[in-house]
Amino acid sequence: MTKGKGGRGMPMPRMNPANAQNQVAMLQQKMLEAQEALANDTIEVSAGGGAVSVVMNGKQELRALKISPEAISAGDVEMLQDMIIAAVNEAVEKSQELASRRLSTATGGLKLPGLM
């Protein structure tokens, strides 16, 4: 293989270090903007016909948990716990989907290790 040639006899493109640095800086800026937006984006999920509702942001941070008085007065602690778990798990799943979409947009669909 000759120097400067690709694996199939094609010349390898020369990389301009300044251009590469600019692209990395732009990607970092887009990622920062996406992460800031995720902190403000919220998902609201309910379980048990609205007996329990959860609000979570795009960074998978629980922002609010509401339990209706009827759910408490029913006295079924196990069912209430199950509803809370179901609502939180669904909110996490939807929040991860939101983060994945937002970060994919920021990276132009580039799959980067360590990102959702």
C-alpha atoms as a PDB file:
ATOM      1  CA  MET A   1       0.000   0.000   0.000  1.00  0.00           C
ATOM      2  CA  THR A   2       1.423   3.391  -0.902  1.00  0.00           C
ATOM      3  CA  LYS A   3       1.501   6.305   1.449  1.00  0.00           C
ATOM      4  CA  GLY A   4      -1.593   8.538   1.287  1.00  0.00           C
ATOM      5  CA  LYS A   5      -3.709   5.877  -0.391  1.00  0.00           C
ATOM      6  CA  GLY A   6      -6.823   4.212   0.961  1.00  0.00           C
ATOM      7  CA  GLY A   7      -7.325   0.465   1.100  1.00  0.00           C
ATOM      8  CA  ARG A   8      -8.667   0.315  -2.464  1.00  0.00           C
ATOM      9  CA  GLY A   9      -6.132   2.461  -4.238  1.00  0.00           C
ATOM     10  CA  MET A  10      -8.241   5.568  -3.590  1.00  0.00           C
ATOM     11  CA  PRO A  11      -6.424   8.601  -2.237  1.00  0.00           C
ATOM     12  CA  MET A  12      -7.365   9.347   1.350  1.00  0.00           C
ATOM     13  CA  PRO A  13      -8.797  12.806   1.899  1.00  0.00           C
ATOM     14  CA  ARG A  14      -6.493  15.100   3.755  1.00  0.00           C
ATOM     15  CA  MET A  15      -7.897  16.294   7.033  1.00  0.00           C
ATOM     16  CA  ASN A  16      -7.584  19.958   7.818  1.00  0.00           C
ATOM     17  CA  PRO A  17      -6.900  20.130  11.586  1.00  0.00           C
ATOM     18  CA  ALA A  18      -8.434  23.603  11.909  1.00  0.00           C
ATOM     19  CA  ASN A  19     -11.596  22.455  10.120  1.00  0.00           C
ATOM     20  CA  ALA A  20     -11.811  19.354  12.323  1.00  0.00           C
ATOM     21  CA  GLN A  21     -11.472  21.504  15.450  1.00  0.00           C
ATOM     22  CA  ASN A  22     -14.223  23.812  14.231  1.00  0.00           C
ATOM     23  CA  GLN A  23     -16.508  20.843  13.573  1.00  0.00           C
ATOM     24  CA  VAL A  24     -15.819  19.420  17.039  1.00  0.00           C
ATOM     25  CA  ALA A  25     -16.515  22.819  18.616  1.00  0.00           C
ATOM     26  CA  MET A  26     -19.798  23.104  16.694  1.00  0.00           C
ATOM     27  CA  LEU A  27     -20.801  19.599  17.772  1.00  0.00           C
ATOM     28  CA  GLN A  28     -19.977  20.405  21.401  1.00  0.00           C
ATOM     29  CA  GLN A  29     -22.094  23.564  21.204  1.00  0.00           C
ATOM     30  CA  LYS A  30     -25.040  21.663  19.703  1.00  0.00           C
ATOM     31  CA  MET A  31     -24.734  18.985  22.391  1.00  0.00           C
ATOM     32  CA  LEU A  32     -24.692  21.624  25.131  1.00  0.00           C
ATOM     33  CA  GLU A  33     -27.786  23.274  23.663  1.00  0.00           C
ATOM     34  CA  ALA A  34     -29.549  19.906  23.417  1.00  0.00           C
ATOM     35  CA  GLN A  35     -28.715  19.081  27.043  1.00  0.00           C
ATOM     36  CA  GLU A  36     -29.995  22.468  28.201  1.00  0.00           C
ATOM     37  CA  ALA A  37     -33.218  21.934  26.264  1.00  0.00           C
ATOM     38  CA  LEU A  38     -33.636  18.476  27.822  1.00  0.00           C
ATOM     39  CA  ALA A  39     -33.490  20.030  31.276  1.00  0.00           C
ATOM     40  CA  ASN A  40     -36.512  22.150  30.315  1.00  0.00           C
ATOM     41  CA  ASP A  41     -38.502  19.542  28.342  1.00  0.00           C
ATOM     42  CA  THR A  42     -40.956  17.619  30.486  1.00  0.00           C
ATOM     43  CA  ILE A  43     -42.942  14.432  30.138  1.00  0.00           C
ATOM     44  CA  GLU A  44     -46.105  13.839  32.168  1.00  0.00           C
ATOM     45  CA  VAL A  45     -47.387  10.293  32.656  1.00  0.00           C
ATOM     46  CA  SER A  46     -50.258   8.969  34.727  1.00  0.00           C
ATOM     47  CA  ALA A  47     -51.230   5.544  36.004  1.00  0.00           C
ATOM     48  CA  GLY A  48     -54.329   4.091  37.577  1.00  0.00           C
ATOM     49  CA  GLY A  49     -56.663   6.301  35.572  1.00  0.00           C
ATOM     50  CA  GLY A  50     -54.969   9.436  36.849  1.00  0.00           C
ATOM     51  CA  ALA A  51     -54.596   8.280  40.453  1.00  0.00           C
ATOM     52  CA  VAL A  52     -50.846   8.815  40.171  1.00  0.00           C
ATOM     53  CA  SER A  53     -49.078  11.244  37.848  1.00  0.00           C
ATOM     54  CA  VAL A  54     -45.388  11.844  37.335  1.00  0.00           C
ATOM     55  CA  VAL A  55     -43.563  14.734  35.699  1.00  0.00           C
ATOM     56  CA  MET A  56     -40.009  14.073  34.534  1.00  0.00           C
ATOM     57  CA  ASN A  57     -37.630  16.182  32.472  1.00  0.00           C
ATOM     58  CA  GLY A  58     -35.551  15.051  29.504  1.00  0.00           C
ATOM     59  CA  LYS A  59     -32.585  14.411  31.786  1.00  0.00           C
ATOM     60  CA  GLN A  60     -34.563  11.709  33.635  1.00  0.00           C
ATOM     61  CA  GLU A  61     -34.970  13.902  36.713  1.00  0.00           C
ATOM     62  CA  LEU A  62     -38.252  13.435  38.567  1.00  0.00           C
ATOM     63  CA  ARG A  63     -39.859  16.888  38.863  1.00  0.00           C
ATOM     64  CA  ALA A  64     -43.252  16.103  40.391  1.00  0.00           C
ATOM     65  CA  LEU A  65     -45.241  13.219  41.801  1.00  0.00           C
ATOM     66  CA  LYS A  66     -48.975  13.669  42.391  1.00  0.00           C
ATOM     67  CA  ILE A  67     -51.173  11.146  44.160  1.00  0.00           C
ATOM     68  CA  SER A  68     -54.909  11.677  44.190  1.00  0.00           C
ATOM     69  CA  PRO A  69     -56.628  11.636  47.588  1.00  0.00           C
ATOM     70  CA  GLU A  70     -58.845   8.806  46.330  1.00  0.00           C
ATOM     71  CA  ALA A  71     -55.779   6.612  45.747  1.00  0.00           C
ATOM     72  CA  ILE A  72     -54.700   7.156  49.334  1.00  0.00           C
ATOM     73  CA  SER A  73     -58.134   6.689  50.873  1.00  0.00           C
ATOM     74  CA  ALA A  74     -58.536   3.363  49.056  1.00  0.00           C
ATOM     75  CA  GLY A  75     -56.062   1.951  51.574  1.00  0.00           C
ATOM     76  CA  ASP A  76     -54.422  -0.475  49.144  1.00  0.00           C
ATOM     77  CA  VAL A  77     -50.765   0.395  49.682  1.00  0.00           C
ATOM     78  CA  GLU A  78     -49.457  -2.302  47.341  1.00  0.00           C
ATOM     79  CA  MET A  79     -51.615  -1.085  44.457  1.00  0.00           C
ATOM     80  CA  LEU A  80     -50.529   2.514  45.096  1.00  0.00           C
ATOM     81  CA  GLN A  81     -46.880   1.447  45.079  1.00  0.00           C
ATOM     82  CA  ASP A  82     -47.426  -0.459  41.823  1.00  0.00           C
ATOM     83  CA  MET A  83     -49.047   2.598  40.220  1.00  0.00           C
ATOM     84  CA  ILE A  84     -46.138   4.814  41.276  1.00  0.00           C
ATOM     85  CA  ILE A  85     -43.605   2.341  39.888  1.00  0.00           C
ATOM     86  CA  ALA A  86     -45.545   2.016  36.615  1.00  0.00           C
ATOM     87  CA  ALA A  87     -45.807   5.793  36.175  1.00  0.00           C
ATOM     88  CA  VAL A  88     -42.136   6.412  36.975  1.00  0.00           C
ATOM     89  CA  ASN A  89     -40.958   3.612  34.674  1.00  0.00           C
ATOM     90  CA  GLU A  90     -43.077   4.899  31.789  1.00  0.00           C
ATOM     91  CA  ALA A  91     -41.848   8.451  32.369  1.00  0.00           C
ATOM     92  CA  VAL A  92     -38.227   7.262  32.331  1.00  0.00           C
ATOM     93  CA  GLU A  93     -38.814   5.387  29.076  1.00  0.00           C
ATOM     94  CA  LYS A  94     -40.478   8.384  27.390  1.00  0.00           C
ATOM     95  CA  SER A  95     -37.816  10.726  28.727  1.00  0.00           C
ATOM     96  CA  GLN A  96     -35.074   8.515  27.292  1.00  0.00           C
ATOM     97  CA  GLU A  97     -36.838   8.483  23.920  1.00  0.00           C
ATOM     98  CA  LEU A  98     -37.050  12.281  24.018  1.00  0.00           C
ATOM     99  CA  ALA A  99     -33.358  12.563  24.914  1.00  0.00           C
ATOM    100  CA  SER A 100     -32.400  10.148  22.165  1.00  0.00           C
ATOM    101  CA  ARG A 101     -34.338  12.147  19.554  1.00  0.00           C
ATOM    102  CA  ARG A 102     -32.956  15.479  20.750  1.00  0.00           C
ATOM    103  CA  LEU A 103     -29.337  14.272  20.909  1.00  0.00           C
ATOM    104  CA  SER A 104     -29.626  12.509  17.550  1.00  0.00           C
ATOM    105  CA  THR A 105     -30.748  15.799  16.030  1.00  0.00           C
ATOM    106  CA  ALA A 106     -27.796  17.593  17.636  1.00  0.00           C
ATOM    107  CA  THR A 107     -25.286  15.065  16.301  1.00  0.00           C
ATOM    108  CA  GLY A 108     -26.868  14.826  12.880  1.00  0.00           C
ATOM    109  CA  GLY A 109     -27.658  11.162  13.478  1.00  0.00           C
ATOM    110  CA  LEU A 110     -24.034  10.343  14.317  1.00  0.00           C
ATOM    111  CA  LYS A 111     -23.868   7.458  16.810  1.00  0.00           C
ATOM    112  CA  LEU A 112     -21.465   8.534  19.551  1.00  0.00           C
ATOM    113  CA  PRO A 113     -20.436   6.173  22.349  1.00  0.00           C
ATOM    114  CA  GLY A 114     -21.812   7.075  25.755  1.00  0.00           C
ATOM    115  CA  LEU A 115     -24.867   8.881  24.406  1.00  0.00           C
ATOM    116  CA  MET A 116     -28.364   7.481  24.526  1.00  0.00           C
END
